[in-house]
Structures are given as structure tokens and as C-alpha cells.
């Protein structure tokens, strides 16, 4: 019986020094068939030439070159071009284990009620490696914080149904909003017990760039504007800057008629 194709979407902006290692981690996967779509998002380093070499020597690699438009548009470019039934986004400086895709696909293919499969993860750089301690998934927790990193497996059809990644979200944590809109109206999530994803810590990572209060406020305003139905249901009102206190604060305001 033929197996479903998995499309690994790799946006790349000035990550040429890491790109080959990232692609090789996918090629080491025990699962086949797969395709690796590298989207060069207007890089000014050697990313495109590295990607082209990988494409020339590896039939499973395909390169798309586009003007710089940001990571959400690059992911959507890959999503539209993907020929696979299943999708795994992977940033161009991160890594996966050989067994991650196989483990995720076993669950997704056997359980149609499951929309997202992810795994245990580690953060690393040249000098250290440590567990990435993420809270267990629940919708109530997802309303307050994101515990599913971007490199989780899902069906292409589910992503297209919600319109892919939101290209007007420029304040970081775009994957959080993507999981909210994919999961808020149903669908189960499973986290594998094995470590399958490795998040590279770099001085220029977007997570660091968008960690300040200005980005956080803009992000919360954006999420409230787009998903107030979700926050009303899970938090009894809007998401607050002090996110963990959102539900008790909203409940108190409603008790006194202030919300």
C-alpha cells in the first residue's frame, strides 16, 4: 500500500550557514516519501546558492526563490506549492530527529480526529543543549500561551481550511495564532514522548527580537481582534497583558459589571 507524501516547508532568510544541516536532518528521516521545499525569502547571504546545490544533488529538495516578504508569507508559499497530504514546517536553522516524521504520521494517519502532532523538544546552540519545557496542551492553556512550536505535523487540508498563516501578523508568535484558528473549533492534539525537534538559539532569532512589551501588546491586541470568540469562551473575556491572570480578572470585572 502506498504511503502519503509529507511536505517539509523550510523558509530561509539569511540562514545559509545552517541550511544544509537542517535539510540533512530531514533527509535522515526514516519516513518516505517526502519532499523538502526550501523557500528563499530574499536572502542577502549565500542561502540561495546553498539551496540550489542541495536541489541539484537531491531529488527530494525543491527550491522556490521569492522577494523578501516575511516568514508567514514564505510558509504560505510552501503550503500552496506542497504536493503532500501532510505538512511539517521547519525553520532553516532548526533540526529534527530521524524518527519524528514517522512517529507523527503513524498517529495522524490512524486517527482522523487528531489535527496536530508534535513532540518533546530541546533548545541548543554551539555550547549547550537543554530541554524545552513546554506545558501540556489544552485549549484553556493555548488561550494564554503557545505550547506547540512551529514544527508540528498537520494535514495540508486543515491548514488551507483556515487560510494558512496570517500574513498580516508581523509582531511574532505567528504559529500561536495559526494553532488557535486551526484548533479552536475542534480537533485533538498529541505530543509524542520522544525528543524529535531541536530549536537553535541564535542572537538574531525572531523570538528574541519580538519578546519586548511593545511586540507583546501588539500581539495581544491582534489576537483579541481576530479571536475574541475563543478568548471569551476560554478566558471569560479578552487576553490580558498579564496573560495568566486573564480569566480571573475578566470574571471579576464581569461580576462588578465592568466588562
Protein backbone atom coordinates (compact mmCIF):
# COMPACT_ATOMS: atom_id res chain seq x y z
CA UNK A 1 0.00 0.00 0.00
CA UNK A 2 1.37 3.42 -0.96
CA UNK A 3 2.21 5.87 1.80
CA UNK A 4 1.23 9.54 1.91
CA UNK A 5 3.73 12.18 0.85
CA UNK A 6 4.97 14.56 3.55
CA UNK A 7 5.98 18.08 2.53
CA UNK A 8 8.60 19.72 4.74
CA UNK A 9 8.40 23.51 4.32
CA UNK A 10 11.65 25.35 5.06
CA UNK A 11 11.51 29.17 4.92
CA UNK A 12 15.01 30.61 4.73
CA UNK A 13 16.14 34.19 5.23
CA UNK A 14 19.91 34.63 5.63
CA UNK A 15 20.36 31.22 7.24
CA UNK A 16 22.72 29.78 4.65
CA UNK A 17 25.24 28.69 7.28
CA UNK A 18 22.66 26.34 8.84
CA UNK A 19 20.53 25.33 5.86
CA UNK A 20 22.42 22.21 4.78
CA UNK A 21 22.44 20.79 8.31
CA UNK A 22 18.70 21.39 8.56
CA UNK A 23 17.98 19.71 5.23
CA UNK A 24 20.25 16.78 6.08
CA UNK A 25 18.33 16.22 9.31
CA UNK A 26 15.16 15.81 7.22
CA UNK A 27 16.87 13.54 4.69
CA UNK A 28 17.93 11.31 7.59
CA UNK A 29 14.26 10.65 8.37
CA UNK A 30 13.12 7.05 8.46
CA UNK A 31 9.89 8.09 6.70
CA UNK A 32 9.40 8.18 2.95
CA UNK A 33 8.09 9.56 0.66
CA UNK A 34 8.84 13.19 1.46
CA UNK A 35 9.66 16.42 -0.31
CA UNK A 36 11.61 19.35 1.09
CA UNK A 37 10.53 22.77 -0.18
CA UNK A 38 13.08 25.49 0.59
CA UNK A 39 11.64 28.99 0.20
CA UNK A 40 14.45 31.52 -0.13
CA UNK A 41 12.80 34.67 1.22
CA UNK A 42 15.00 37.31 -0.39
CA UNK A 43 18.18 36.31 1.45
CA UNK A 44 21.25 38.51 1.02
CA UNK A 45 23.74 35.84 2.12
CA UNK A 46 24.55 32.56 0.35
CA UNK A 47 21.23 30.88 1.24
CA UNK A 48 20.02 30.65 -2.35
CA UNK A 49 23.25 29.15 -3.67
CA UNK A 50 23.33 26.62 -0.81
CA UNK A 51 19.70 25.71 -1.54
CA UNK A 52 20.39 25.34 -5.27
CA UNK A 53 23.29 22.95 -4.63
CA UNK A 54 21.03 20.85 -2.40
CA UNK A 55 18.35 20.85 -5.09
CA UNK A 56 20.78 19.79 -7.81
CA UNK A 57 22.12 16.81 -5.89
CA UNK A 58 18.96 15.69 -4.08
CA UNK A 59 15.71 14.91 -5.96
CA UNK A 60 13.66 15.37 -2.78
CA UNK A 61 14.66 19.05 -2.49
CA UNK A 62 12.83 21.79 -4.37
CA UNK A 63 13.75 25.49 -4.17
CA UNK A 64 11.43 28.47 -4.53
CA UNK A 65 13.02 31.92 -4.69
CA UNK A 66 10.92 34.96 -3.80
CA UNK A 67 11.42 38.58 -2.82
CA UNK A 68 11.62 39.12 0.92
CA UNK A 69 8.08 39.04 2.31
CA UNK A 70 8.44 37.58 5.81
CA UNK A 71 8.19 34.13 7.30
CA UNK A 72 4.39 33.82 7.22
CA UNK A 73 4.21 34.51 3.50
CA UNK A 74 7.15 32.16 2.90
CA UNK A 75 5.34 29.40 4.79
CA UNK A 76 2.20 30.06 2.78
CA UNK A 77 4.22 29.91 -0.45
CA UNK A 78 5.47 26.49 0.60
CA UNK A 79 2.00 25.41 1.69
CA UNK A 80 0.50 26.28 -1.70
CA UNK A 81 3.32 24.53 -3.56
CA UNK A 82 3.27 21.43 -1.36
CA UNK A 83 2.16 18.21 -3.03
CA UNK A 84 1.97 16.26 0.22
CA UNK A 85 -1.05 15.26 2.25
CA UNK A 86 0.82 16.20 5.42
CA UNK A 87 2.93 19.24 6.28
CA UNK A 88 5.89 19.79 8.57
CA UNK A 89 7.16 23.40 8.80
CA UNK A 90 10.83 23.61 9.75
CA UNK A 91 12.83 26.82 10.05
CA UNK A 92 16.14 26.79 8.22
CA UNK A 93 18.30 26.70 11.36
CA UNK A 94 16.42 24.01 13.30
CA UNK A 95 16.71 20.22 13.25
CA UNK A 96 14.51 17.14 13.60
CA UNK A 97 15.26 13.60 14.71
CA UNK A 98 15.18 10.68 12.24
CA UNK A 99 12.04 9.19 13.81
CA UNK A 100 9.93 12.35 14.28
CA UNK A 101 8.03 12.30 10.98
CA UNK A 102 7.36 8.54 11.16
CA UNK A 103 6.02 8.82 14.70
CA UNK A 104 3.76 11.73 13.85
CA UNK A 105 2.43 10.23 10.64
CA UNK A 106 1.54 6.97 12.36
CA UNK A 107 -0.83 8.88 14.63
CA UNK A 108 -2.24 11.29 12.03
CA UNK A 109 -2.95 8.56 9.50
CA UNK A 110 -4.71 6.32 12.02
CA UNK A 111 -6.68 8.98 13.92
CA UNK A 112 -8.67 11.43 11.77
CA UNK A 113 -9.80 13.29 14.89
CA UNK A 114 -6.18 14.31 15.57
CA UNK A 115 -5.21 17.57 13.83
CA UNK A 116 -1.74 18.25 15.23
CA UNK A 117 1.13 16.05 16.40
CA UNK A 118 4.27 17.46 17.98
CA UNK A 119 6.94 16.09 20.31
CA UNK A 120 9.32 16.75 23.15
CA UNK A 121 11.99 19.28 22.18
CA UNK A 122 15.38 20.70 23.07
CA UNK A 123 16.96 24.12 22.68
CA UNK A 124 20.58 24.22 21.62
CA UNK A 125 23.48 26.27 20.33
CA UNK A 126 27.19 25.67 19.80
CA UNK A 127 27.90 25.36 23.53
CA UNK A 128 24.77 23.97 25.20
CA UNK A 129 21.70 21.78 24.90
CA UNK A 130 18.74 21.83 27.28
CA UNK A 131 15.15 20.55 27.39
CA UNK A 132 12.47 22.92 26.12
CA UNK A 133 9.95 22.73 28.95
CA UNK A 134 6.53 23.22 27.39
CA UNK A 135 3.20 22.99 29.19
CA UNK A 136 0.82 20.18 28.22
CA UNK A 137 -1.71 21.14 25.57
CA UNK A 138 -5.23 22.29 26.38
CA UNK A 139 -7.40 24.94 24.77
CA UNK A 140 -7.51 26.91 28.01
CA UNK A 141 -3.70 26.93 28.12
CA UNK A 142 -3.48 27.76 24.41
CA UNK A 143 -5.60 30.84 25.10
CA UNK A 144 -2.87 32.12 27.43
CA UNK A 145 0.31 30.89 25.79
CA UNK A 146 1.62 28.74 22.97
CA UNK A 147 2.97 25.31 23.84
CA UNK A 148 3.12 23.97 20.26
CA UNK A 149 6.26 25.06 18.41
CA UNK A 150 6.00 25.76 14.70
CA UNK A 151 7.46 22.40 13.65
CA UNK A 152 4.42 20.23 14.30
CA UNK A 153 2.81 17.87 11.80
CA UNK A 154 -0.65 18.54 10.37
CA UNK A 155 -2.76 17.91 7.28
CA UNK A 156 -2.49 20.34 4.41
CA UNK A 157 -6.28 20.35 4.09
CA UNK A 158 -6.70 21.58 7.68
CA UNK A 159 -4.25 24.42 7.09
CA UNK A 160 -5.95 25.51 3.87
CA UNK A 161 -9.35 25.39 5.55
CA UNK A 162 -8.29 28.16 7.97
CA UNK A 163 -6.47 30.20 5.32
CA UNK A 164 -2.90 29.21 6.14
CA UNK A 165 -0.68 31.52 8.18
CA UNK A 166 -1.88 35.09 8.76
CA UNK A 167 0.34 37.31 6.60
CA UNK A 168 -0.74 40.50 8.39
CA UNK A 169 0.74 39.31 11.70
CA UNK A 170 4.20 40.86 11.95
CA UNK A 171 4.74 41.01 15.71
CA UNK A 172 5.99 37.47 16.28
CA UNK A 173 4.47 34.18 17.50
CA UNK A 174 2.60 33.70 14.21
CA UNK A 175 2.48 29.99 14.89
CA UNK A 176 0.44 30.64 18.08
CA UNK A 177 -2.29 32.35 16.09
CA UNK A 178 -2.17 29.59 13.49
CA UNK A 179 -2.78 26.91 16.13
CA UNK A 180 -5.61 28.93 17.67
CA UNK A 181 -7.52 29.21 14.42
CA UNK A 182 -6.87 25.59 13.48
CA UNK A 183 -7.89 24.14 16.86
CA UNK A 184 -10.42 26.46 18.46
CA UNK A 185 -13.39 24.76 16.82
CA UNK A 186 -12.27 21.18 17.39
CA UNK A 187 -9.51 18.67 16.77
CA UNK A 188 -7.27 16.72 19.06
CA UNK A 189 -3.56 17.32 19.71
CA UNK A 190 -0.97 14.70 20.64
CA UNK A 191 2.57 15.25 21.89
CA UNK A 192 4.98 12.39 21.30
CA UNK A 193 7.04 11.31 24.29
CA UNK A 194 10.30 11.26 22.30
CA UNK A 195 12.57 14.26 21.67
CA UNK A 196 12.12 14.95 17.96
CA UNK A 197 12.70 18.69 17.49
CA UNK A 198 15.78 20.81 18.17
CA UNK A 199 15.37 24.61 18.32
CA UNK A 200 18.56 26.53 17.61
CA UNK A 201 19.21 29.58 19.79
CA UNK A 202 20.87 32.39 17.82
CA UNK A 203 21.47 36.08 18.61
CA UNK A 204 19.25 37.10 15.69
CA UNK A 205 16.33 34.75 16.28
CA UNK A 206 12.89 36.32 15.80
CA UNK A 207 11.73 35.02 19.19
CA UNK A 208 14.31 37.29 20.83
CA UNK A 209 13.56 40.24 18.57
CA UNK A 210 9.84 40.15 19.31
CA UNK A 211 9.99 39.46 23.04
CA UNK A 212 9.57 43.05 24.28
CA UNK A 213 6.49 44.75 25.73
CA UNK A 214 5.68 46.67 22.53
CA UNK A 215 5.54 43.49 20.47
CA UNK A 216 3.63 41.69 23.21
CA UNK A 217 0.95 44.39 23.39
CA UNK A 218 0.56 44.48 19.60
CA UNK A 219 0.34 40.70 19.54
CA UNK A 220 -2.34 40.56 22.23
CA UNK A 221 -4.37 43.28 20.51
CA UNK A 222 -4.14 41.36 17.24
CA UNK A 223 -5.20 38.06 18.81
CA UNK A 224 -8.14 39.66 20.61
CA UNK A 225 -9.31 41.35 17.42
CA UNK A 226 -9.24 38.08 15.45
CA UNK A 227 -10.27 35.50 18.04
CA UNK A 228 -12.45 37.17 20.67
CA UNK A 229 -14.93 34.29 20.41
CA UNK A 230 -12.19 31.92 21.51
CA UNK A 231 -10.94 34.10 24.37
CA UNK A 232 -14.47 34.80 25.57
CA UNK A 233 -15.11 31.07 25.77
CA UNK A 234 -11.79 30.10 27.37
CA UNK A 235 -10.93 33.22 29.41
CA UNK A 236 -14.35 34.78 30.01
CA UNK A 237 -13.13 37.87 28.15
CA UNK A 238 -10.06 39.24 26.34
CA UNK A 239 -6.48 38.10 26.69
CA UNK A 240 -4.62 40.49 29.01
CA UNK A 241 -1.01 41.63 29.23
CA UNK A 242 -0.74 39.56 32.40
CA UNK A 243 -1.91 36.52 30.49
CA UNK A 244 -2.17 34.03 33.35
CA UNK A 245 -4.50 36.41 35.20
CA UNK A 246 -6.79 36.98 32.21
CA UNK A 247 -9.63 34.67 33.29
CA UNK A 248 -9.86 35.65 36.99
CA UNK A 249 -9.55 39.34 36.07
CA UNK A 250 -12.24 39.11 33.39
CA UNK A 251 -14.51 37.15 35.74
CA UNK A 252 -14.08 39.78 38.46
CA UNK A 253 -14.84 42.61 36.03
CA UNK A 254 -17.99 40.84 34.87
CA UNK A 255 -19.06 40.25 38.48
CA UNK A 256 -18.96 44.01 39.07
CA UNK A 257 -20.50 44.83 35.70
CA UNK A 258 -17.31 46.39 34.33
CA UNK A 259 -16.94 44.09 31.31
